[in-house]
Amino acid sequence: GDYAGALVNYEKGITNDPKTTAHDDLCVAGMARASLYTGDMRSPDKQLKKDCATILDNLKLFNEAGALYEQAECWEEAATAFIKIKN
């Protein structure tokens, strides 16, 4: 799929309108998925990076998970992911 295009569309879709929080939540979730596919992790949102790192960790992509945990400042999770690479 066109994940880069999807990422742009999800970003444009965010309204920041209190009446459409469910819509914005879906856009943020879409951004997370598209970001994983494109490798674009420029979001400043630490929780988003932690959530994506958890997904990567579950997929046994420990190096990528560790790097994202570091960006999210989740030091223990990052260390655990990097240790899993050695085991």
PDB file of N, CA and C in Angstrom:
ATOM      1  N   GLY A   1       0.804  -1.181   0.000  1.00  0.00           N
ATOM      2  CA  GLY A   1       0.000   0.000   0.000  1.00  0.00           C
ATOM      3  C   GLY A   1       0.855   1.256   0.000  1.00  0.00           C
ATOM      4  N   ASP A   2       0.201   2.351  -0.154  1.00  0.00           N
ATOM      5  CA  ASP A   2       0.854   3.662  -0.139  1.00  0.00           C
ATOM      6  C   ASP A   2       0.857   4.197   1.288  1.00  0.00           C
ATOM      7  N   TYR A   3       1.773   3.673   2.103  1.00  0.00           N
ATOM      8  CA  TYR A   3       1.804   4.041   3.519  1.00  0.00           C
ATOM      9  C   TYR A   3       2.256   5.477   3.730  1.00  0.00           C
ATOM     10  N   ALA A   4       3.156   5.964   2.897  1.00  0.00           N
ATOM     11  CA  ALA A   4       3.591   7.359   3.025  1.00  0.00           C
ATOM     12  C   ALA A   4       2.420   8.302   2.750  1.00  0.00           C
ATOM     13  N   GLY A   5       1.651   7.988   1.724  1.00  0.00           N
ATOM     14  CA  GLY A   5       0.464   8.791   1.419  1.00  0.00           C
ATOM     15  C   GLY A   5      -0.579   8.693   2.510  1.00  0.00           C
ATOM     16  N   ALA A   6      -0.733   7.494   3.055  1.00  0.00           N
ATOM     17  CA  ALA A   6      -1.687   7.308   4.149  1.00  0.00           C
ATOM     18  C   ALA A   6      -1.273   8.126   5.365  1.00  0.00           C
ATOM     19  N   LEU A   7       0.024   8.137   5.656  1.00  0.00           N
ATOM     20  CA  LEU A   7       0.519   8.907   6.795  1.00  0.00           C
ATOM     21  C   LEU A   7       0.178  10.388   6.633  1.00  0.00           C
ATOM     22  N   VAL A   8       0.397  10.920   5.450  1.00  0.00           N
ATOM     23  CA  VAL A   8       0.070  12.325   5.183  1.00  0.00           C
ATOM     24  C   VAL A   8      -1.424  12.569   5.384  1.00  0.00           C
ATOM     25  N   ASN A   9      -2.247  11.661   4.879  1.00  0.00           N
ATOM     26  CA  ASN A   9      -3.697  11.829   5.014  1.00  0.00           C
ATOM     27  C   ASN A   9      -4.146  11.752   6.467  1.00  0.00           C
ATOM     28  N   TYR A  10      -3.576  10.823   7.240  1.00  0.00           N
ATOM     29  CA  TYR A  10      -3.928  10.743   8.659  1.00  0.00           C
ATOM     30  C   TYR A  10      -3.530  12.024   9.384  1.00  0.00           C
ATOM     31  N   GLU A  11      -2.348  12.554   9.056  1.00  0.00           N
ATOM     32  CA  GLU A  11      -1.903  13.804   9.685  1.00  0.00           C
ATOM     33  C   GLU A  11      -2.855  14.949   9.351  1.00  0.00           C
ATOM     34  N   LYS A  12      -3.279  15.026   8.108  1.00  0.00           N
ATOM     35  CA  LYS A  12      -4.214  16.076   7.688  1.00  0.00           C
ATOM     36  C   LYS A  12      -5.588  15.894   8.330  1.00  0.00           C
ATOM     37  N   GLY A  13      -5.926  14.652   8.663  1.00  0.00           N
ATOM     38  CA  GLY A  13      -7.250  14.357   9.200  1.00  0.00           C
ATOM     39  C   GLY A  13      -7.464  14.782  10.640  1.00  0.00           C
ATOM     40  N   ILE A  14      -6.396  15.063  11.357  1.00  0.00           N
ATOM     41  CA  ILE A  14      -6.538  15.447  12.763  1.00  0.00           C
ATOM     42  C   ILE A  14      -7.137  16.843  12.845  1.00  0.00           C
ATOM     43  N   THR A  15      -8.232  16.955  13.597  1.00  0.00           N
ATOM     44  CA  THR A  15      -8.967  18.216  13.676  1.00  0.00           C
ATOM     45  C   THR A  15      -8.686  18.999  14.956  1.00  0.00           C
ATOM     46  N   ASN A  16      -8.283  18.312  16.023  1.00  0.00           N
ATOM     47  CA  ASN A  16      -8.111  18.929  17.345  1.00  0.00           C
ATOM     48  C   ASN A  16      -9.398  19.584  17.835  1.00  0.00           C
ATOM     49  N   ASP A  17     -10.517  19.085  17.356  1.00  0.00           N
ATOM     50  CA  ASP A  17     -11.830  19.575  17.771  1.00  0.00           C
ATOM     51  C   ASP A  17     -12.340  18.667  18.887  1.00  0.00           C
ATOM     52  N   PRO A  18     -12.669  19.227  20.052  1.00  0.00           N
ATOM     53  CA  PRO A  18     -13.147  18.389  21.165  1.00  0.00           C
ATOM     54  C   PRO A  18     -14.375  17.545  20.812  1.00  0.00           C
ATOM     55  N   LYS A  19     -15.122  17.958  19.797  1.00  0.00           N
ATOM     56  CA  LYS A  19     -16.315  17.211  19.394  1.00  0.00           C
ATOM     57  C   LYS A  19     -15.970  15.957  18.592  1.00  0.00           C
ATOM     58  N   THR A  20     -14.748  15.889  18.081  1.00  0.00           N
ATOM     59  CA  THR A  20     -14.375  14.761  17.214  1.00  0.00           C
ATOM     60  C   THR A  20     -13.163  14.010  17.757  1.00  0.00           C
ATOM     61  N   THR A  21     -13.111  13.816  19.062  1.00  0.00           N
ATOM     62  CA  THR A  21     -11.947  13.134  19.638  1.00  0.00           C
ATOM     63  C   THR A  21     -11.833  11.698  19.144  1.00  0.00           C
ATOM     64  N   ALA A  22     -12.954  11.025  18.934  1.00  0.00           N
ATOM     65  CA  ALA A  22     -12.893   9.645  18.440  1.00  0.00           C
ATOM     66  C   ALA A  22     -12.263   9.621  17.045  1.00  0.00           C
ATOM     67  N   HIS A  23     -12.630  10.583  16.225  1.00  0.00           N
ATOM     68  CA  HIS A  23     -12.052  10.685  14.879  1.00  0.00           C
ATOM     69  C   HIS A  23     -10.543  10.914  14.966  1.00  0.00           C
ATOM     70  N   ASP A  24     -10.144  11.850  15.823  1.00  0.00           N
ATOM     71  CA  ASP A  24      -8.716  12.141  15.974  1.00  0.00           C
ATOM     72  C   ASP A  24      -7.958  10.934  16.510  1.00  0.00           C
ATOM     73  N   ASP A  25      -8.572  10.187  17.428  1.00  0.00           N
ATOM     74  CA  ASP A  25      -7.934   8.976  17.952  1.00  0.00           C
ATOM     75  C   ASP A  25      -7.681   7.968  16.836  1.00  0.00           C
ATOM     76  N   LEU A  26      -8.640   7.831  15.936  1.00  0.00           N
ATOM     77  CA  LEU A  26      -8.458   6.923  14.799  1.00  0.00           C
ATOM     78  C   LEU A  26      -7.341   7.416  13.879  1.00  0.00           C
ATOM     79  N   CYS A  27      -7.257   8.717  13.694  1.00  0.00           N
ATOM     80  CA  CYS A  27      -6.176   9.273  12.864  1.00  0.00           C
ATOM     81  C   CYS A  27      -4.814   9.015  13.499  1.00  0.00           C
ATOM     82  N   VAL A  28      -4.720   9.191  14.812  1.00  0.00           N
ATOM     83  CA  VAL A  28      -3.452   8.951  15.502  1.00  0.00           C
ATOM     84  C   VAL A  28      -3.066   7.478  15.395  1.00  0.00           C
ATOM     85  N   ALA A  29      -4.038   6.585  15.544  1.00  0.00           N
ATOM     86  CA  ALA A  29      -3.758   5.154  15.408  1.00  0.00           C
ATOM     87  C   ALA A  29      -3.291   4.836  13.989  1.00  0.00           C
ATOM     88  N   GLY A  30      -3.929   5.441  13.009  1.00  0.00           N
ATOM     89  CA  GLY A  30      -3.508   5.253  11.623  1.00  0.00           C
ATOM     90  C   GLY A  30      -2.105   5.779  11.381  1.00  0.00           C
ATOM     91  N   MET A  31      -1.793   6.919  12.003  1.00  0.00           N
ATOM     92  CA  MET A  31      -0.441   7.469  11.890  1.00  0.00           C
ATOM     93  C   MET A  31       0.582   6.502  12.473  1.00  0.00           C
ATOM     94  N   ALA A  32       0.236   5.884  13.590  1.00  0.00           N
ATOM     95  CA  ALA A  32       1.163   4.935  14.220  1.00  0.00           C
ATOM     96  C   ALA A  32       1.435   3.759  13.292  1.00  0.00           C
ATOM     97  N   ARG A  33       0.369   3.200  12.728  1.00  0.00           N
ATOM     98  CA  ARG A  33       0.547   2.061  11.823  1.00  0.00           C
ATOM     99  C   ARG A  33       1.349   2.455  10.587  1.00  0.00           C
ATOM    100  N   ALA A  34       0.977   3.560   9.967  1.00  0.00           N
ATOM    101  CA  ALA A  34       1.673   3.996   8.758  1.00  0.00           C
ATOM    102  C   ALA A  34       3.130   4.346   9.066  1.00  0.00           C
ATOM    103  N   SER A  35       3.370   4.920  10.236  1.00  0.00           N
ATOM    104  CA  SER A  35       4.741   5.261  10.627  1.00  0.00           C
ATOM    105  C   SER A  35       5.598   4.016  10.751  1.00  0.00           C
ATOM    106  N   LEU A  36       5.020   2.947  11.290  1.00  0.00           N
ATOM    107  CA  LEU A  36       5.766   1.692  11.396  1.00  0.00           C
ATOM    108  C   LEU A  36       6.131   1.161  10.017  1.00  0.00           C
ATOM    109  N   TYR A  37       5.191   1.215   9.093  1.00  0.00           N
ATOM    110  CA  TYR A  37       5.452   0.694   7.754  1.00  0.00           C
ATOM    111  C   TYR A  37       6.477   1.529   6.999  1.00  0.00           C
ATOM    112  N   THR A  38       6.470   2.845   7.222  1.00  0.00           N
ATOM    113  CA  THR A  38       7.380   3.714   6.476  1.00  0.00           C
ATOM    114  C   THR A  38       8.694   3.965   7.199  1.00  0.00           C
ATOM    115  N   GLY A  39       8.742   3.633   8.483  1.00  0.00           N
ATOM    116  CA  GLY A  39       9.937   3.913   9.273  1.00  0.00           C
ATOM    117  C   GLY A  39      10.033   5.370   9.685  1.00  0.00           C
ATOM    118  N   ASP A  40       8.954   6.119   9.523  1.00  0.00           N
ATOM    119  CA  ASP A  40       8.921   7.546   9.851  1.00  0.00           C
ATOM    120  C   ASP A  40       8.470   7.705  11.296  1.00  0.00           C
ATOM    121  N   MET A  41       9.442   7.903  12.179  1.00  0.00           N
ATOM    122  CA  MET A  41       9.120   8.008  13.602  1.00  0.00           C
ATOM    123  C   MET A  41       9.434   9.410  14.116  1.00  0.00           C
ATOM    124  N   ARG A  42       8.982  10.439  13.403  1.00  0.00           N
ATOM    125  CA  ARG A  42       9.307  11.812  13.776  1.00  0.00           C
ATOM    126  C   ARG A  42       8.345  12.404  14.792  1.00  0.00           C
ATOM    127  N   SER A  43       7.333  11.668  15.174  1.00  0.00           N
ATOM    128  CA  SER A  43       6.361  12.187  16.134  1.00  0.00           C
ATOM    129  C   SER A  43       7.023  12.460  17.478  1.00  0.00           C
ATOM    130  N   PRO A  44       6.712  13.614  18.090  1.00  0.00           N
ATOM    131  CA  PRO A  44       7.276  13.907  19.409  1.00  0.00           C
ATOM    132  C   PRO A  44       6.532  13.190  20.535  1.00  0.00           C
ATOM    133  N   ASP A  45       5.467  12.479  20.216  1.00  0.00           N
ATOM    134  CA  ASP A  45       4.622  11.840  21.224  1.00  0.00           C
ATOM    135  C   ASP A  45       5.305  10.592  21.778  1.00  0.00           C
ATOM    136  N   LYS A  46       5.741  10.660  23.021  1.00  0.00           N
ATOM    137  CA  LYS A  46       6.455   9.540  23.642  1.00  0.00           C
ATOM    138  C   LYS A  46       5.563   8.314  23.785  1.00  0.00           C
ATOM    139  N   GLN A  47       4.284   8.513  24.110  1.00  0.00           N
ATOM    140  CA  GLN A  47       3.385   7.369  24.268  1.00  0.00           C
ATOM    141  C   GLN A  47       3.215   6.639  22.944  1.00  0.00           C
ATOM    142  N   LEU A  48       3.112   7.389  21.847  1.00  0.00           N
ATOM    143  CA  LEU A  48       2.992   6.777  20.524  1.00  0.00           C
ATOM    144  C   LEU A  48       4.228   5.946  20.212  1.00  0.00           C
ATOM    145  N   LYS A  49       5.404   6.490  20.525  1.00  0.00           N
ATOM    146  CA  LYS A  49       6.642   5.748  20.276  1.00  0.00           C
ATOM    147  C   LYS A  49       6.716   4.502  21.147  1.00  0.00           C
ATOM    148  N   LYS A  50       6.273   4.608  22.398  1.00  0.00           N
ATOM    149  CA  LYS A  50       6.276   3.439  23.281  1.00  0.00           C
ATOM    150  C   LYS A  50       5.321   2.375  22.750  1.00  0.00           C
ATOM    151  N   ASP A  51       4.133   2.786  22.315  1.00  0.00           N
ATOM    152  CA  ASP A  51       3.161   1.835  21.771  1.00  0.00           C
ATOM    153  C   ASP A  51       3.714   1.137  20.529  1.00  0.00           C
ATOM    154  N   CYS A  52       4.348   1.898  19.658  1.00  0.00           N
ATOM    155  CA  CYS A  52       4.946   1.303  18.455  1.00  0.00           C
ATOM    156  C   CYS A  52       6.089   0.367  18.825  1.00  0.00           C
ATOM    157  N   ALA A  53       6.877   0.757  19.821  1.00  0.00           N
ATOM    158  CA  ALA A  53       7.975  -0.101  20.275  1.00  0.00           C
ATOM    159  C   ALA A  53       7.439  -1.415  20.816  1.00  0.00           C
ATOM    160  N   THR A  54       6.336  -1.358  21.533  1.00  0.00           N
ATOM    161  CA  THR A  54       5.724  -2.577  22.072  1.00  0.00           C
ATOM    162  C   THR A  54       5.286  -3.498  20.938  1.00  0.00           C
ATOM    163  N   ILE A  55       4.716  -2.917  19.892  1.00  0.00           N
ATOM    164  CA  ILE A  55       4.316  -3.721  18.730  1.00  0.00           C
ATOM    165  C   ILE A  55       5.542  -4.381  18.107  1.00  0.00           C
ATOM    166  N   LEU A  56       6.608  -3.605  17.922  1.00  0.00           N
ATOM    167  CA  LEU A  56       7.836  -4.161  17.346  1.00  0.00           C
ATOM    168  C   LEU A  56       8.427  -5.240  18.244  1.00  0.00           C
ATOM    169  N   ASP A  57       8.373  -5.024  19.550  1.00  0.00           N
ATOM    170  CA  ASP A  57       8.871  -6.012  20.509  1.00  0.00           C
ATOM    171  C   ASP A  57       8.087  -7.314  20.373  1.00  0.00           C
ATOM    172  N   ASN A  58       6.774  -7.207  20.253  1.00  0.00           N
ATOM    173  CA  ASN A  58       5.936  -8.402  20.093  1.00  0.00           C
ATOM    174  C   ASN A  58       6.212  -9.120  18.775  1.00  0.00           C
ATOM    175  N   LEU A  59       6.655  -8.368  17.776  1.00  0.00           N
ATOM    176  CA  LEU A  59       7.014  -8.965  16.482  1.00  0.00           C
ATOM    177  C   LEU A  59       8.448  -9.491  16.470  1.00  0.00           C
ATOM    178  N   LYS A  60       9.110  -9.405  17.637  1.00  0.00           N
ATOM    179  CA  LYS A  60      10.486  -9.864  17.815  1.00  0.00           C
ATOM    180  C   LYS A  60      11.481  -9.055  16.981  1.00  0.00           C
ATOM    181  N   LEU A  61      11.150  -7.798  16.748  1.00  0.00           N
ATOM    182  CA  LEU A  61      12.052  -6.863  16.080  1.00  0.00           C
ATOM    183  C   LEU A  61      12.711  -6.031  17.178  1.00  0.00           C
ATOM    184  N   PHE A  62      13.597  -6.699  17.930  1.00  0.00           N
ATOM    185  CA  PHE A  62      14.111  -6.143  19.175  1.00  0.00           C
ATOM    186  C   PHE A  62      14.997  -4.915  18.976  1.00  0.00           C
ATOM    187  N   ASN A  63      15.798  -4.888  17.930  1.00  0.00           N
ATOM    188  CA  ASN A  63      16.660  -3.731  17.696  1.00  0.00           C
ATOM    189  C   ASN A  63      15.824  -2.478  17.449  1.00  0.00           C
ATOM    190  N   GLU A  64      14.824  -2.602  16.580  1.00  0.00           N
ATOM    191  CA  GLU A  64      13.951  -1.476  16.275  1.00  0.00           C
ATOM    192  C   GLU A  64      13.137  -1.076  17.501  1.00  0.00           C
ATOM    193  N   ALA A  65      12.659  -2.076  18.243  1.00  0.00           N
ATOM    194  CA  ALA A  65      11.892  -1.792  19.459  1.00  0.00           C
ATOM    195  C   ALA A  65      12.751  -1.048  20.469  1.00  0.00           C
ATOM    196  N   GLY A  66      13.977  -1.508  20.658  1.00  0.00           N
ATOM    197  CA  GLY A  66      14.875  -0.854  21.604  1.00  0.00           C
ATOM    198  C   GLY A  66      15.136   0.599  21.248  1.00  0.00           C
ATOM    199  N   ALA A  67      15.331   0.856  19.963  1.00  0.00           N
ATOM    200  CA  ALA A  67      15.582   2.231  19.521  1.00  0.00           C
ATOM    201  C   ALA A  67      14.379   3.131  19.796  1.00  0.00           C
ATOM    202  N   LEU A  68      13.183   2.612  19.550  1.00  0.00           N
ATOM    203  CA  LEU A  68      11.990   3.414  19.821  1.00  0.00           C
ATOM    204  C   LEU A  68      11.749   3.586  21.314  1.00  0.00           C
ATOM    205  N   TYR A  69      12.023   2.542  22.092  1.00  0.00           N
ATOM    206  CA  TYR A  69      11.909   2.692  23.547  1.00  0.00           C
ATOM    207  C   TYR A  69      12.851   3.790  24.035  1.00  0.00           C
ATOM    208  N   GLU A  70      14.046   3.856  23.451  1.00  0.00           N
ATOM    209  CA  GLU A  70      14.986   4.919  23.825  1.00  0.00           C
ATOM    210  C   GLU A  70      14.410   6.293  23.497  1.00  0.00           C
ATOM    211  N   GLN A  71      13.833   6.429  22.308  1.00  0.00           N
ATOM    212  CA  GLN A  71      13.248   7.711  21.914  1.00  0.00           C
ATOM    213  C   GLN A  71      12.093   8.103  22.829  1.00  0.00           C
ATOM    214  N   ALA A  72      11.387   7.093  23.343  1.00  0.00           N
ATOM    215  CA  ALA A  72      10.277   7.342  24.267  1.00  0.00           C
ATOM    216  C   ALA A  72      10.764   7.513  25.705  1.00  0.00           C
ATOM    217  N   GLU A  73      12.080   7.394  25.897  1.00  0.00           N
ATOM    218  CA  GLU A  73      12.711   7.492  27.211  1.00  0.00           C
ATOM    219  C   GLU A  73      12.215   6.410  28.177  1.00  0.00           C
ATOM    220  N   CYS A  74      11.966   5.225  27.624  1.00  0.00           N
ATOM    221  CA  CYS A  74      11.596   4.042  28.412  1.00  0.00           C
ATOM    222  C   CYS A  74      12.855   3.182  28.510  1.00  0.00           C
ATOM    223  N   TRP A  75      13.718   3.573  29.422  1.00  0.00           N
ATOM    224  CA  TRP A  75      15.065   3.004  29.478  1.00  0.00           C
ATOM    225  C   TRP A  75      15.081   1.523  29.820  1.00  0.00           C
ATOM    226  N   GLU A  76      14.254   1.093  30.769  1.00  0.00           N
ATOM    227  CA  GLU A  76      14.250  -0.330  31.147  1.00  0.00           C
ATOM    228  C   GLU A  76      13.765  -1.201  29.998  1.00  0.00           C
ATOM    229  N   GLU A  77      12.697  -0.769  29.325  1.00  0.00           N
ATOM    230  CA  GLU A  77      12.185  -1.532  28.188  1.00  0.00           C
ATOM    231  C   GLU A  77      13.217  -1.578  27.061  1.00  0.00           C
ATOM    232  N   ALA A  78      13.920  -0.459  26.844  1.00  0.00           N
ATOM    233  CA  ALA A  78      14.960  -0.425  25.809  1.00  0.00           C
ATOM    234  C   ALA A  78      16.067  -1.417  26.135  1.00  0.00           C
ATOM    235  N   ALA A  79      16.509  -1.406  27.382  1.00  0.00           N
ATOM    236  CA  ALA A  79      17.571  -2.332  27.788  1.00  0.00           C
ATOM    237  C   ALA A  79      17.121  -3.776  27.620  1.00  0.00           C
ATOM    238  N   THR A  80      15.886  -4.062  28.010  1.00  0.00           N
ATOM    239  CA  THR A  80      15.357  -5.419  27.880  1.00  0.00           C
ATOM    240  C   THR A  80      15.317  -5.849  26.415  1.00  0.00           C
ATOM    241  N   ALA A  81      14.882  -4.950  25.535  1.00  0.00           N
ATOM    242  CA  ALA A  81      14.823  -5.281  24.108  1.00  0.00           C
ATOM    243  C   ALA A  81      16.216  -5.559  23.560  1.00  0.00           C
ATOM    244  N   PHE A  82      17.188  -4.735  23.942  1.00  0.00           N
ATOM    245  CA  PHE A  82      18.553  -4.941  23.448  1.00  0.00           C
ATOM    246  C   PHE A  82      19.166  -6.223  24.006  1.00  0.00           C
ATOM    247  N   ILE A  83      18.824  -6.573  25.235  1.00  0.00           N
ATOM    248  CA  ILE A  83      19.309  -7.835  25.819  1.00  0.00           C
ATOM    249  C   ILE A  83      18.738  -9.024  25.055  1.00  0.00           C
ATOM    250  N   LYS A  84      17.486  -8.906  24.610  1.00  0.00           N
ATOM    251  CA  LYS A  84      16.856  -9.995  23.852  1.00  0.00           C
ATOM    252  C   LYS A  84      17.614 -10.271  22.554  1.00  0.00           C
ATOM    253  N   ILE A  85      18.259  -9.255  21.989  1.00  0.00           N
ATOM    254  CA  ILE A  85      19.036  -9.449  20.761  1.00  0.00           C
ATOM    255  C   ILE A  85      20.189 -10.407  21.023  1.00  0.00           C
ATOM    256  N   LYS A  86      20.790 -10.296  22.193  1.00  0.00           N
ATOM    257  CA  LYS A  86      21.954 -11.114  22.542  1.00  0.00           C
ATOM    258  C   LYS A  86      21.578 -12.552  22.886  1.00  0.00           C
ATOM    259  N   ASN A  87      20.333 -12.765  23.279  1.00  0.00           N
ATOM    260  CA  ASN A  87      19.912 -14.120  23.710  1.00  0.00           C
ATOM    261  C   ASN A  87      19.428 -14.971  22.587  1.00  0.00           C
TER     262      ASN A  87
END
